[in-house]
Amino acid sequence: MTRVFPFFRASLAGLLTAAALISPGIAGSAEAELDMDLMQTIEDLNKSLASNIALRDAKGSRSDASELHQLFIQVEGHFAAKPDAQDAVDLAKKSKDLSAAIVQHVGRGDFEAATDAATGISRACRSCHTFYKKS
């Protein structure tokens, strides 16, 4: 049986590689779905961040803000590649900068400033969704 398994693993890897090369439409669909998953993750993290800041949970707040910072880098890159999406690029950059600021505010114990920055992220998200969110 051990001789069959390596063959099966190699065959499966080959099939997956071939499928990825042959069907770019499938990859495009997965990419669009990934964008929705990314946005849902951002929404969930933003809610967690607001809760952690309200609870003055420094560790949770820093973790959420750091993760949001990385995700907003992806969002900024996504919209930068699209024509006529400069507003979305600017809002993603603003959110990225605010999430980095939250890490700094929380590190200093300034939860009021962190709350203001988190509110700014929520507003930026709503503004962007007004123009770019698909129904």
C-alpha atoms as a PDB file:
ATOM      1  CA  MET A   1       0.000   0.000   0.000  1.00  0.00           C
ATOM      2  CA  THR A   2       2.878   2.384   0.684  1.00  0.00           C
ATOM      3  CA  ARG A   3       3.906   2.131  -2.970  1.00  0.00           C
ATOM      4  CA  VAL A   4       0.442   3.087  -4.180  1.00  0.00           C
ATOM      5  CA  PHE A   5       0.055   6.143  -1.943  1.00  0.00           C
ATOM      6  CA  PRO A   6       3.053   8.092  -3.334  1.00  0.00           C
ATOM      7  CA  PHE A   7       1.784   7.396  -6.842  1.00  0.00           C
ATOM      8  CA  PHE A   8      -1.695   8.576  -5.895  1.00  0.00           C
ATOM      9  CA  ARG A   9      -0.291  11.724  -4.272  1.00  0.00           C
ATOM     10  CA  ALA A  10       1.784  12.512  -7.369  1.00  0.00           C
ATOM     11  CA  SER A  11      -1.190  11.849  -9.645  1.00  0.00           C
ATOM     12  CA  LEU A  12      -3.455  14.052  -7.557  1.00  0.00           C
ATOM     13  CA  ALA A  13      -0.920  16.866  -7.576  1.00  0.00           C
ATOM     14  CA  GLY A  14      -0.610  16.565 -11.341  1.00  0.00           C
ATOM     15  CA  LEU A  15      -4.367  16.619 -11.817  1.00  0.00           C
ATOM     16  CA  LEU A  16      -4.750  19.691  -9.628  1.00  0.00           C
ATOM     17  CA  THR A  17      -1.987  21.507 -11.468  1.00  0.00           C
ATOM     18  CA  ALA A  18      -3.508  20.618 -14.832  1.00  0.00           C
ATOM     19  CA  ALA A  19      -6.945  21.733 -13.689  1.00  0.00           C
ATOM     20  CA  ALA A  20      -5.566  25.078 -12.540  1.00  0.00           C
ATOM     21  CA  LEU A  21      -3.812  25.640 -15.879  1.00  0.00           C
ATOM     22  CA  ILE A  22      -6.703  24.513 -18.048  1.00  0.00           C
ATOM     23  CA  SER A  23      -9.555  26.307 -16.336  1.00  0.00           C
ATOM     24  CA  PRO A  24      -8.740  29.941 -15.562  1.00  0.00           C
ATOM     25  CA  GLY A  25     -12.458  30.665 -15.300  1.00  0.00           C
ATOM     26  CA  ILE A  26     -12.648  28.496 -12.211  1.00  0.00           C
ATOM     27  CA  ALA A  27      -9.711  30.310 -10.659  1.00  0.00           C
ATOM     28  CA  GLY A  28     -11.395  33.647 -11.439  1.00  0.00           C
ATOM     29  CA  SER A  29     -14.551  32.489  -9.679  1.00  0.00           C
ATOM     30  CA  ALA A  30     -12.548  31.418  -6.655  1.00  0.00           C
ATOM     31  CA  GLU A  31     -10.808  34.796  -6.630  1.00  0.00           C
ATOM     32  CA  ALA A  32     -14.141  36.662  -6.616  1.00  0.00           C
ATOM     33  CA  GLU A  33     -15.308  34.450  -3.776  1.00  0.00           C
ATOM     34  CA  LEU A  34     -12.061  35.068  -1.929  1.00  0.00           C
ATOM     35  CA  ASP A  35     -12.776  38.796  -2.080  1.00  0.00           C
ATOM     36  CA  MET A  36     -16.120  38.246  -0.344  1.00  0.00           C
ATOM     37  CA  ASP A  37     -14.448  36.063   2.278  1.00  0.00           C
ATOM     38  CA  LEU A  38     -11.821  38.754   2.796  1.00  0.00           C
ATOM     39  CA  MET A  39     -14.461  41.428   3.270  1.00  0.00           C
ATOM     40  CA  GLN A  40     -16.402  39.229   5.693  1.00  0.00           C
ATOM     41  CA  THR A  41     -13.215  38.637   7.666  1.00  0.00           C
ATOM     42  CA  ILE A  42     -12.621  42.388   7.807  1.00  0.00           C
ATOM     43  CA  GLU A  43     -16.162  42.989   9.004  1.00  0.00           C
ATOM     44  CA  ASP A  44     -15.859  40.332  11.720  1.00  0.00           C
ATOM     45  CA  LEU A  45     -12.459  41.637  12.851  1.00  0.00           C
ATOM     46  CA  ASN A  46     -13.765  45.196  12.940  1.00  0.00           C
ATOM     47  CA  LYS A  47     -16.587  44.117  15.277  1.00  0.00           C
ATOM     48  CA  SER A  48     -14.108  42.203  17.442  1.00  0.00           C
ATOM     49  CA  LEU A  49     -11.805  45.229  17.510  1.00  0.00           C
ATOM     50  CA  ALA A  50     -14.599  47.536  18.681  1.00  0.00           C
ATOM     51  CA  SER A  51     -15.478  45.084  21.432  1.00  0.00           C
ATOM     52  CA  ASN A  52     -11.865  44.616  22.524  1.00  0.00           C
ATOM     53  CA  ILE A  53     -11.286  48.365  22.650  1.00  0.00           C
ATOM     54  CA  ALA A  54     -14.476  48.880  24.696  1.00  0.00           C
ATOM     55  CA  LEU A  55     -13.317  46.160  27.098  1.00  0.00           C
ATOM     56  CA  ARG A  56      -9.833  47.728  27.209  1.00  0.00           C
ATOM     57  CA  ASP A  57      -8.378  44.409  26.101  1.00  0.00           C
ATOM     58  CA  ALA A  58      -4.988  45.604  24.883  1.00  0.00           C
ATOM     59  CA  LYS A  59      -3.790  42.234  23.611  1.00  0.00           C
ATOM     60  CA  GLY A  60      -7.000  41.519  21.654  1.00  0.00           C
ATOM     61  CA  SER A  61      -7.172  45.084  20.322  1.00  0.00           C
ATOM     62  CA  ARG A  62      -3.577  45.001  19.072  1.00  0.00           C
ATOM     63  CA  SER A  63      -4.091  41.598  17.490  1.00  0.00           C
ATOM     64  CA  ASP A  64      -7.281  42.638  15.684  1.00  0.00           C
ATOM     65  CA  ALA A  65      -5.812  45.964  14.535  1.00  0.00           C
ATOM     66  CA  SER A  66      -2.626  44.301  13.273  1.00  0.00           C
ATOM     67  CA  GLU A  67      -4.595  41.736  11.314  1.00  0.00           C
ATOM     68  CA  LEU A  68      -6.864  44.434   9.884  1.00  0.00           C
ATOM     69  CA  HIS A  69      -3.775  46.380   8.825  1.00  0.00           C
ATOM     70  CA  GLN A  70      -2.560  43.397   6.775  1.00  0.00           C
ATOM     71  CA  LEU A  71      -6.000  42.846   5.232  1.00  0.00           C
ATOM     72  CA  PHE A  72      -6.350  46.505   4.258  1.00  0.00           C
ATOM     73  CA  ILE A  73      -3.015  46.210   2.437  1.00  0.00           C
ATOM     74  CA  GLN A  74      -4.660  43.482   0.330  1.00  0.00           C
ATOM     75  CA  VAL A  75      -7.802  45.577  -0.227  1.00  0.00           C
ATOM     76  CA  GLU A  76      -5.705  48.570  -1.260  1.00  0.00           C
ATOM     77  CA  GLY A  77      -3.813  46.415  -3.776  1.00  0.00           C
ATOM     78  CA  HIS A  78      -7.039  44.932  -5.114  1.00  0.00           C
ATOM     79  CA  PHE A  79      -8.588  48.324  -5.829  1.00  0.00           C
ATOM     80  CA  ALA A  80      -5.311  49.827  -7.085  1.00  0.00           C
ATOM     81  CA  ALA A  81      -5.440  47.295  -9.927  1.00  0.00           C
ATOM     82  CA  LYS A  82      -8.922  48.436 -10.967  1.00  0.00           C
ATOM     83  CA  PRO A  83      -9.557  51.420 -13.195  1.00  0.00           C
ATOM     84  CA  ASP A  84     -11.661  54.219 -11.723  1.00  0.00           C
ATOM     85  CA  ALA A  85     -11.397  53.004  -8.115  1.00  0.00           C
ATOM     86  CA  GLN A  86      -9.157  55.693  -6.638  1.00  0.00           C
ATOM     87  CA  ASP A  87     -11.727  56.483  -3.938  1.00  0.00           C
ATOM     88  CA  ALA A  88     -11.602  52.855  -2.794  1.00  0.00           C
ATOM     89  CA  VAL A  89      -7.792  52.915  -2.827  1.00  0.00           C
ATOM     90  CA  ASP A  90      -7.824  56.060  -0.686  1.00  0.00           C
ATOM     91  CA  LEU A  91     -10.348  54.587   1.772  1.00  0.00           C
ATOM     92  CA  ALA A  92      -8.376  51.349   2.054  1.00  0.00           C
ATOM     93  CA  LYS A  93      -5.177  53.332   2.680  1.00  0.00           C
ATOM     94  CA  LYS A  94      -6.953  55.430   5.306  1.00  0.00           C
ATOM     95  CA  SER A  95      -8.230  52.263   7.011  1.00  0.00           C
ATOM     96  CA  LYS A  96      -4.766  50.709   6.833  1.00  0.00           C
ATOM     97  CA  ASP A  97      -3.259  53.797   8.462  1.00  0.00           C
ATOM     98  CA  LEU A  98      -5.979  53.934  11.129  1.00  0.00           C
ATOM     99  CA  SER A  99      -5.490  50.280  12.016  1.00  0.00           C
ATOM    100  CA  ALA A 100      -1.751  50.900  12.447  1.00  0.00           C
ATOM    101  CA  ALA A 101      -2.559  53.928  14.620  1.00  0.00           C
ATOM    102  CA  ILE A 102      -4.811  51.791  16.821  1.00  0.00           C
ATOM    103  CA  VAL A 103      -1.884  49.506  17.601  1.00  0.00           C
ATOM    104  CA  GLN A 104       0.090  52.575  18.716  1.00  0.00           C
ATOM    105  CA  HIS A 105      -2.798  54.083  20.723  1.00  0.00           C
ATOM    106  CA  VAL A 106      -3.491  50.829  22.542  1.00  0.00           C
ATOM    107  CA  GLY A 107       0.210  50.371  23.230  1.00  0.00           C
ATOM    108  CA  ARG A 108       0.142  53.705  25.068  1.00  0.00           C
ATOM    109  CA  GLY A 109      -3.118  52.805  26.839  1.00  0.00           C
ATOM    110  CA  ASP A 110      -5.017  55.527  24.955  1.00  0.00           C
ATOM    111  CA  PHE A 111      -8.253  53.660  24.355  1.00  0.00           C
ATOM    112  CA  GLU A 112     -10.162  56.883  23.614  1.00  0.00           C
ATOM    113  CA  ALA A 113      -7.918  57.599  20.612  1.00  0.00           C
ATOM    114  CA  ALA A 114      -8.177  53.924  19.627  1.00  0.00           C
ATOM    115  CA  THR A 115     -11.979  54.217  19.729  1.00  0.00           C
ATOM    116  CA  ASP A 116     -11.857  57.294  17.487  1.00  0.00           C
ATOM    117  CA  ALA A 117      -9.599  55.501  15.009  1.00  0.00           C
ATOM    118  CA  ALA A 118     -11.819  52.393  15.019  1.00  0.00           C
ATOM    119  CA  THR A 119     -14.841  54.614  14.344  1.00  0.00           C
ATOM    120  CA  GLY A 120     -12.907  56.077  11.403  1.00  0.00           C
ATOM    121  CA  ILE A 121     -12.369  52.575  10.008  1.00  0.00           C
ATOM    122  CA  SER A 122     -16.083  51.796  10.279  1.00  0.00           C
ATOM    123  CA  ARG A 123     -16.961  55.022   8.488  1.00  0.00           C
ATOM    124  CA  ALA A 124     -14.427  54.355   5.741  1.00  0.00           C
ATOM    125  CA  CYS A 125     -15.868  50.860   5.238  1.00  0.00           C
ATOM    126  CA  ARG A 126     -19.414  52.212   4.986  1.00  0.00           C
ATOM    127  CA  SER A 127     -18.330  54.906   2.532  1.00  0.00           C
ATOM    128  CA  CYS A 128     -16.556  52.388   0.339  1.00  0.00           C
ATOM    129  CA  HIS A 129     -19.469  49.940   0.402  1.00  0.00           C
ATOM    130  CA  THR A 130     -21.839  52.693  -0.679  1.00  0.00           C
ATOM    131  CA  PHE A 131     -19.985  52.874  -3.988  1.00  0.00           C
ATOM    132  CA  TYR A 132     -18.347  49.497  -4.511  1.00  0.00           C
ATOM    133  CA  LYS A 133     -20.275  46.749  -2.700  1.00  0.00           C
ATOM    134  CA  LYS A 134     -22.096  44.387  -5.005  1.00  0.00           C
ATOM    135  CA  SER A 135     -25.609  43.357  -3.996  1.00  0.00           C
END
